[in-house]
Amino acid sequence: MRVSRKAVRVAVIAAAVTGVGGAGLTALVQNQEATGRAATVSAGESLSKAGAPCIVSGARTAKYRHFERTEYVWKNVYPWRTSAWGPKSVEIKKGVKVSNVVTGTLGAPIKSINAAVGFQVTKENSTDVSHRWRLKKRRHYTLRMGQGFKVYKFNVYDALGNLQAGGQGGAYCVFNGKYKYVGSGYAKKFWTFDDKCTWNKNGKQVACTSADLAY
């Protein structure tokens, strides 16, 4: 049986169930966008009824984008953190790599997540982290640089279908245009650098004021 190229994705079911949509189903997976071929698995009893609901294999996808928050990451290694006694001028300048981040793909392809959120979620850039502080007082200062990210939420869905009878007792899972929610993940897009200055007051870090430093 030949499957039309217009089909988005098709899962070929070559196994059987004891009831409609019951357990014991084994499948052949066919992805029209990938190889166009099906991987053979063991067959069971003949399929009892066409039209039963099914999930299209290999068609999990990410959709929608919602801005969640701005998030900063403060690392505890140079050049992201240093310390010095004032008064003096301190400068940080070093080449670094900054990356977008994705968490919780839930099996959705990276290409699909990129399309959903509007940027490449695994992209890495080389840049310089550069900053200068002029410390004014005789105090021990901690100086930090942070990475700012815009955090976006995306949803992941399975493509749903219905079984369509095929040859030799098998059937095709044909996409019916509907999706089932699987879960949500987060993508973080690098945005900017920020700095933070604190000083040690009786064992506690206190935020610097304009009396402590200038840029």
C-alpha atoms as a PDB file:
ATOM      1  CA  MET A   1       0.000   0.000   0.000  1.00  0.00           C
ATOM      2  CA  ARG A   2       1.377   3.404  -0.931  1.00  0.00           C
ATOM      3  CA  VAL A   3       0.885   6.372   1.410  1.00  0.00           C
ATOM      4  CA  SER A   4       0.287   9.824  -0.039  1.00  0.00           C
ATOM      5  CA  ARG A   5       3.166  12.307   0.399  1.00  0.00           C
ATOM      6  CA  LYS A   6       0.553  14.783   1.623  1.00  0.00           C
ATOM      7  CA  ALA A   7       0.239  12.831   4.862  1.00  0.00           C
ATOM      8  CA  VAL A   8       2.165  14.671   7.549  1.00  0.00           C
ATOM      9  CA  ARG A   9       3.183  11.675   9.600  1.00  0.00           C
ATOM     10  CA  VAL A  10       1.912   8.125   9.642  1.00  0.00           C
ATOM     11  CA  ALA A  11       2.395   5.336  12.150  1.00  0.00           C
ATOM     12  CA  VAL A  12       1.836   1.878  10.723  1.00  0.00           C
ATOM     13  CA  ILE A  13       0.266  -0.486  13.207  1.00  0.00           C
ATOM     14  CA  ALA A  14       1.097  -4.131  12.637  1.00  0.00           C
ATOM     15  CA  ALA A  15      -0.132  -5.538  15.917  1.00  0.00           C
ATOM     16  CA  ALA A  16      -3.328  -6.485  17.486  1.00  0.00           C
ATOM     17  CA  VAL A  17      -5.538  -5.679  20.393  1.00  0.00           C
ATOM     18  CA  THR A  18      -7.996  -7.802  22.267  1.00  0.00           C
ATOM     19  CA  GLY A  19     -10.423  -4.877  22.369  1.00  0.00           C
ATOM     20  CA  VAL A  20     -10.727  -1.483  20.737  1.00  0.00           C
ATOM     21  CA  GLY A  21      -7.607   0.569  21.563  1.00  0.00           C
ATOM     22  CA  GLY A  22      -6.552  -1.981  24.218  1.00  0.00           C
ATOM     23  CA  ALA A  23      -3.125  -3.199  25.261  1.00  0.00           C
ATOM     24  CA  GLY A  24      -1.017  -5.568  23.204  1.00  0.00           C
ATOM     25  CA  LEU A  25      -0.594  -3.131  20.333  1.00  0.00           C
ATOM     26  CA  THR A  26       2.736  -3.211  18.513  1.00  0.00           C
ATOM     27  CA  ALA A  27       3.618  -0.745  15.824  1.00  0.00           C
ATOM     28  CA  LEU A  28       5.570   0.080  12.746  1.00  0.00           C
ATOM     29  CA  VAL A  29       6.633   3.719  12.752  1.00  0.00           C
ATOM     30  CA  GLN A  30       6.717   5.672   9.539  1.00  0.00           C
ATOM     31  CA  ASN A  31       7.811   9.332   9.395  1.00  0.00           C
ATOM     32  CA  GLN A  32       7.201  10.928   6.009  1.00  0.00           C
ATOM     33  CA  GLU A  33       9.481  13.880   6.857  1.00  0.00           C
ATOM     34  CA  ALA A  34      12.392  11.640   7.811  1.00  0.00           C
ATOM     35  CA  THR A  35      13.297   8.478   5.918  1.00  0.00           C
ATOM     36  CA  GLY A  36       9.877   7.646   4.529  1.00  0.00           C
ATOM     37  CA  ARG A  37      10.344   4.045   5.678  1.00  0.00           C
ATOM     38  CA  ALA A  38       8.847   1.972   8.464  1.00  0.00           C
ATOM     39  CA  ALA A  39      10.827   0.081  11.073  1.00  0.00           C
ATOM     40  CA  THR A  40       9.529  -3.460  11.427  1.00  0.00           C
ATOM     41  CA  VAL A  41       8.501  -4.862  14.799  1.00  0.00           C
ATOM     42  CA  SER A  42       6.822  -8.102  15.792  1.00  0.00           C
ATOM     43  CA  ALA A  43       3.205  -8.554  14.773  1.00  0.00           C
ATOM     44  CA  GLY A  44       0.432  -9.875  17.006  1.00  0.00           C
ATOM     45  CA  GLU A  45      -3.171 -10.674  16.306  1.00  0.00           C
ATOM     46  CA  SER A  46      -4.989  -8.814  13.544  1.00  0.00           C
ATOM     47  CA  LEU A  47      -6.369  -5.404  14.408  1.00  0.00           C
ATOM     48  CA  SER A  48      -9.966  -5.638  15.620  1.00  0.00           C
ATOM     49  CA  LYS A  49     -11.371  -2.314  14.472  1.00  0.00           C
ATOM     50  CA  ALA A  50     -10.336   0.576  12.198  1.00  0.00           C
ATOM     51  CA  GLY A  51     -11.110   4.139  13.286  1.00  0.00           C
ATOM     52  CA  ALA A  52      -9.824   3.640  16.829  1.00  0.00           C
ATOM     53  CA  PRO A  53      -7.859   6.611  18.265  1.00  0.00           C
ATOM     54  CA  CYS A  54      -4.065   6.471  18.202  1.00  0.00           C
ATOM     55  CA  ILE A  55      -0.990   8.671  18.675  1.00  0.00           C
ATOM     56  CA  VAL A  56       1.077   9.426  15.580  1.00  0.00           C
ATOM     57  CA  SER A  57       4.621   8.254  16.316  1.00  0.00           C
ATOM     58  CA  GLY A  58       7.437  10.732  15.748  1.00  0.00           C
ATOM     59  CA  ALA A  59       5.040  13.680  15.541  1.00  0.00           C
ATOM     60  CA  ARG A  60       5.449  15.197  19.009  1.00  0.00           C
ATOM     61  CA  THR A  61       5.740  18.969  18.635  1.00  0.00           C
ATOM     62  CA  ALA A  62       6.185  22.238  20.548  1.00  0.00           C
ATOM     63  CA  LYS A  63       3.668  25.061  20.210  1.00  0.00           C
ATOM     64  CA  TYR A  64       2.962  28.513  21.605  1.00  0.00           C
ATOM     65  CA  ARG A  65       5.206  30.895  23.538  1.00  0.00           C
ATOM     66  CA  HIS A  66       4.579  32.786  26.756  1.00  0.00           C
ATOM     67  CA  PHE A  67       7.019  35.183  28.399  1.00  0.00           C
ATOM     68  CA  GLU A  68       7.502  34.147  32.031  1.00  0.00           C
ATOM     69  CA  ARG A  69      10.191  36.313  33.636  1.00  0.00           C
ATOM     70  CA  THR A  70      13.672  37.826  33.464  1.00  0.00           C
ATOM     71  CA  GLU A  71      16.235  35.703  35.260  1.00  0.00           C
ATOM     72  CA  TYR A  72      19.846  36.398  36.288  1.00  0.00           C
ATOM     73  CA  VAL A  73      22.598  33.851  36.825  1.00  0.00           C
ATOM     74  CA  TRP A  74      25.461  34.822  39.153  1.00  0.00           C
ATOM     75  CA  LYS A  75      28.435  32.476  38.934  1.00  0.00           C
ATOM     76  CA  ASN A  76      31.082  32.274  41.640  1.00  0.00           C
ATOM     77  CA  VAL A  77      34.184  32.033  39.441  1.00  0.00           C
ATOM     78  CA  TYR A  78      36.280  34.642  37.627  1.00  0.00           C
ATOM     79  CA  PRO A  79      35.418  36.670  35.541  1.00  0.00           C
ATOM     80  CA  TRP A  80      31.918  36.518  37.009  1.00  0.00           C
ATOM     81  CA  ARG A  81      33.124  37.239  40.539  1.00  0.00           C
ATOM     82  CA  THR A  82      36.135  38.977  42.091  1.00  0.00           C
ATOM     83  CA  SER A  83      36.929  40.905  45.257  1.00  0.00           C
ATOM     84  CA  ALA A  84      39.200  43.773  46.276  1.00  0.00           C
ATOM     85  CA  TRP A  85      39.966  46.250  49.038  1.00  0.00           C
ATOM     86  CA  GLY A  86      39.121  49.860  48.306  1.00  0.00           C
ATOM     87  CA  PRO A  87      39.860  52.547  47.570  1.00  0.00           C
ATOM     88  CA  LYS A  88      41.039  51.493  44.123  1.00  0.00           C
ATOM     89  CA  SER A  89      39.832  50.897  40.570  1.00  0.00           C
ATOM     90  CA  VAL A  90      39.001  47.340  39.514  1.00  0.00           C
ATOM     91  CA  GLU A  91      38.418  46.187  35.951  1.00  0.00           C
ATOM     92  CA  ILE A  92      37.179  42.871  34.586  1.00  0.00           C
ATOM     93  CA  LYS A  93      37.672  42.061  30.925  1.00  0.00           C
ATOM     94  CA  LYS A  94      37.659  38.550  29.526  1.00  0.00           C
ATOM     95  CA  GLY A  95      36.333  36.672  26.515  1.00  0.00           C
ATOM     96  CA  VAL A  96      33.471  34.337  27.429  1.00  0.00           C
ATOM     97  CA  LYS A  97      30.810  32.193  25.817  1.00  0.00           C
ATOM     98  CA  VAL A  98      27.146  32.741  26.585  1.00  0.00           C
ATOM     99  CA  SER A  99      24.433  30.296  25.608  1.00  0.00           C
ATOM    100  CA  ASN A 100      20.697  30.095  25.300  1.00  0.00           C
ATOM    101  CA  VAL A 101      19.252  27.275  27.403  1.00  0.00           C
ATOM    102  CA  VAL A 102      16.328  24.867  27.064  1.00  0.00           C
ATOM    103  CA  THR A 103      14.944  22.719  29.882  1.00  0.00           C
ATOM    104  CA  GLY A 104      12.263  20.048  29.701  1.00  0.00           C
ATOM    105  CA  THR A 105      11.973  19.300  25.970  1.00  0.00           C
ATOM    106  CA  LEU A 106       9.618  16.386  26.795  1.00  0.00           C
ATOM    107  CA  GLY A 107      10.687  14.656  23.606  1.00  0.00           C
ATOM    108  CA  ALA A 108       9.862  17.528  21.245  1.00  0.00           C
ATOM    109  CA  PRO A 109      12.504  18.066  18.524  1.00  0.00           C
ATOM    110  CA  ILE A 110      14.792  21.077  19.037  1.00  0.00           C
ATOM    111  CA  LYS A 111      13.774  22.377  15.586  1.00  0.00           C
ATOM    112  CA  SER A 112      10.149  22.416  16.720  1.00  0.00           C
ATOM    113  CA  ILE A 113      11.021  24.260  19.964  1.00  0.00           C
ATOM    114  CA  ASN A 114      13.068  26.833  18.019  1.00  0.00           C
ATOM    115  CA  ALA A 115      10.035  27.540  15.835  1.00  0.00           C
ATOM    116  CA  ALA A 116       7.704  27.806  18.831  1.00  0.00           C
ATOM    117  CA  VAL A 117       9.769  30.295  20.873  1.00  0.00           C
ATOM    118  CA  GLY A 118      11.256  32.236  17.954  1.00  0.00           C
ATOM    119  CA  PHE A 119      14.977  31.721  18.628  1.00  0.00           C
ATOM    120  CA  GLN A 120      17.620  28.975  18.600  1.00  0.00           C
ATOM    121  CA  VAL A 121      17.444  27.469  22.071  1.00  0.00           C
ATOM    122  CA  THR A 122      20.934  25.899  21.955  1.00  0.00           C
ATOM    123  CA  LYS A 123      22.757  28.817  20.311  1.00  0.00           C
ATOM    124  CA  GLU A 124      26.123  29.819  21.791  1.00  0.00           C
ATOM    125  CA  ASN A 125      27.878  33.160  21.235  1.00  0.00           C
ATOM    126  CA  SER A 126      31.394  34.364  21.997  1.00  0.00           C
ATOM    127  CA  THR A 127      31.621  37.833  23.546  1.00  0.00           C
ATOM    128  CA  ASP A 128      33.545  39.886  26.123  1.00  0.00           C
ATOM    129  CA  VAL A 129      32.490  40.487  29.689  1.00  0.00           C
ATOM    130  CA  SER A 130      33.932  43.894  30.526  1.00  0.00           C
ATOM    131  CA  HIS A 131      33.277  46.205  33.457  1.00  0.00           C
ATOM    132  CA  ARG A 132      35.087  48.789  35.607  1.00  0.00           C
ATOM    133  CA  TRP A 133      34.378  49.893  39.180  1.00  0.00           C
ATOM    134  CA  ARG A 134      35.974  52.753  41.141  1.00  0.00           C
ATOM    135  CA  LEU A 135      35.836  51.776  44.812  1.00  0.00           C
ATOM    136  CA  LYS A 136      35.809  54.813  47.083  1.00  0.00           C
ATOM    137  CA  LYS A 137      36.172  53.585  50.657  1.00  0.00           C
ATOM    138  CA  ARG A 138      38.507  51.467  52.743  1.00  0.00           C
ATOM    139  CA  ARG A 139      36.313  48.356  52.642  1.00  0.00           C
ATOM    140  CA  HIS A 140      36.483  44.830  51.287  1.00  0.00           C
ATOM    141  CA  TYR A 141      34.218  44.643  48.244  1.00  0.00           C
ATOM    142  CA  THR A 142      32.777  41.711  46.283  1.00  0.00           C
ATOM    143  CA  LEU A 143      32.171  42.540  42.623  1.00  0.00           C
ATOM    144  CA  ARG A 144      30.043  40.335  40.405  1.00  0.00           C
ATOM    145  CA  MET A 145      28.839  40.133  36.808  1.00  0.00           C
ATOM    146  CA  GLY A 146      25.619  38.307  36.005  1.00  0.00           C
ATOM    147  CA  GLN A 147      24.013  36.932  32.873  1.00  0.00           C
ATOM    148  CA  GLY A 148      20.451  38.052  32.217  1.00  0.00           C
ATOM    149  CA  PHE A 149      18.000  35.757  30.416  1.00  0.00           C
ATOM    150  CA  LYS A 150      14.477  36.177  29.104  1.00  0.00           C
ATOM    151  CA  VAL A 151      12.565  33.022  30.060  1.00  0.00           C
ATOM    152  CA  TYR A 152       9.793  31.698  27.811  1.00  0.00           C
ATOM    153  CA  LYS A 153       7.389  28.831  28.401  1.00  0.00           C
ATOM    154  CA  PHE A 154       6.298  26.524  25.572  1.00  0.00           C
ATOM    155  CA  ASN A 155       3.840  23.624  25.415  1.00  0.00           C
ATOM    156  CA  VAL A 156       4.467  20.152  24.012  1.00  0.00           C
ATOM    157  CA  TYR A 157       1.802  18.077  22.258  1.00  0.00           C
ATOM    158  CA  ASP A 158       1.312  14.634  20.747  1.00  0.00           C
ATOM    159  CA  ALA A 159      -0.349  14.449  17.328  1.00  0.00           C
ATOM    160  CA  LEU A 160      -3.524  12.369  17.436  1.00  0.00           C
ATOM    161  CA  GLY A 161      -4.945  10.171  14.724  1.00  0.00           C
ATOM    162  CA  ASN A 162      -7.323   7.350  13.846  1.00  0.00           C
ATOM    163  CA  LEU A 163      -6.500   3.868  12.640  1.00  0.00           C
ATOM    164  CA  GLN A 164      -7.091   3.272   8.962  1.00  0.00           C
ATOM    165  CA  ALA A 165      -7.176  -0.305   7.704  1.00  0.00           C
ATOM    166  CA  GLY A 166      -4.198  -1.419   5.635  1.00  0.00           C
ATOM    167  CA  GLY A 167      -2.996  -4.572   3.965  1.00  0.00           C
ATOM    168  CA  GLN A 168      -2.045  -7.858   5.620  1.00  0.00           C
ATOM    169  CA  GLY A 169      -4.067  -7.227   8.756  1.00  0.00           C
ATOM    170  CA  GLY A 170      -2.306  -3.964   9.620  1.00  0.00           C
ATOM    171  CA  ALA A 171      -3.491  -0.378   9.839  1.00  0.00           C
ATOM    172  CA  TYR A 172      -2.211   3.182   9.545  1.00  0.00           C
ATOM    173  CA  CYS A 173      -2.468   5.817  12.285  1.00  0.00           C
ATOM    174  CA  VAL A 174      -3.569   8.805  10.223  1.00  0.00           C
ATOM    175  CA  PHE A 175      -3.246  12.303  11.702  1.00  0.00           C
ATOM    176  CA  ASN A 176      -6.697  13.805  12.305  1.00  0.00           C
ATOM    177  CA  GLY A 177      -5.651  17.421  12.944  1.00  0.00           C
ATOM    178  CA  LYS A 178      -5.957  17.205  16.726  1.00  0.00           C
ATOM    179  CA  TYR A 179      -3.309  17.381  19.458  1.00  0.00           C
ATOM    180  CA  LYS A 180      -3.019  16.196  23.059  1.00  0.00           C
ATOM    181  CA  TYR A 181      -1.163  18.262  25.680  1.00  0.00           C
ATOM    182  CA  VAL A 182       1.895  16.476  27.107  1.00  0.00           C
ATOM    183  CA  GLY A 183       3.511  19.148  29.293  1.00  0.00           C
ATOM    184  CA  SER A 184       5.472  22.399  29.294  1.00  0.00           C
ATOM    185  CA  GLY A 185       9.154  23.304  29.022  1.00  0.00           C
ATOM    186  CA  TYR A 186      11.214  26.489  29.283  1.00  0.00           C
ATOM    187  CA  ALA A 187      13.651  28.208  26.955  1.00  0.00           C
ATOM    188  CA  LYS A 188      16.014  30.930  28.187  1.00  0.00           C
ATOM    189  CA  LYS A 189      17.370  33.520  25.761  1.00  0.00           C
ATOM    190  CA  PHE A 190      20.540  35.379  26.737  1.00  0.00           C
ATOM    191  CA  TRP A 191      19.719  39.079  26.982  1.00  0.00           C
ATOM    192  CA  THR A 192      22.345  41.193  28.764  1.00  0.00           C
ATOM    193  CA  PHE A 193      25.023  41.480  31.446  1.00  0.00           C
ATOM    194  CA  ASP A 194      24.457  43.122  34.810  1.00  0.00           C
ATOM    195  CA  ASP A 195      26.739  43.912  37.752  1.00  0.00           C
ATOM    196  CA  LYS A 196      26.440  43.742  41.510  1.00  0.00           C
ATOM    197  CA  CYS A 197      28.600  45.234  44.273  1.00  0.00           C
ATOM    198  CA  THR A 198      28.509  44.327  47.960  1.00  0.00           C
ATOM    199  CA  TRP A 199      30.830  44.869  50.924  1.00  0.00           C
ATOM    200  CA  ASN A 200      31.475  42.988  54.134  1.00  0.00           C
ATOM    201  CA  LYS A 201      29.831  44.540  57.178  1.00  0.00           C
ATOM    202  CA  ASN A 202      30.349  42.489  60.338  1.00  0.00           C
ATOM    203  CA  GLY A 203      30.338  39.235  58.379  1.00  0.00           C
ATOM    204  CA  LYS A 204      27.339  40.118  56.201  1.00  0.00           C
ATOM    205  CA  GLN A 205      27.281  41.302  52.584  1.00  0.00           C
ATOM    206  CA  VAL A 206      25.651  44.726  52.218  1.00  0.00           C
ATOM    207  CA  ALA A 207      24.719  46.296  48.882  1.00  0.00           C
ATOM    208  CA  CYS A 208      26.959  49.133  47.743  1.00  0.00           C
ATOM    209  CA  THR A 209      25.596  52.654  47.372  1.00  0.00           C
ATOM    210  CA  SER A 210      26.803  55.669  45.412  1.00  0.00           C
ATOM    211  CA  ALA A 211      28.994  56.487  48.422  1.00  0.00           C
ATOM    212  CA  ASP A 212      30.918  53.247  47.814  1.00  0.00           C
ATOM    213  CA  LEU A 213      31.595  53.254  44.097  1.00  0.00           C
ATOM    214  CA  ALA A 214      31.395  54.938  40.749  1.00  0.00           C
ATOM    215  CA  TYR A 215      31.622  53.526  37.220  1.00  0.00           C
END
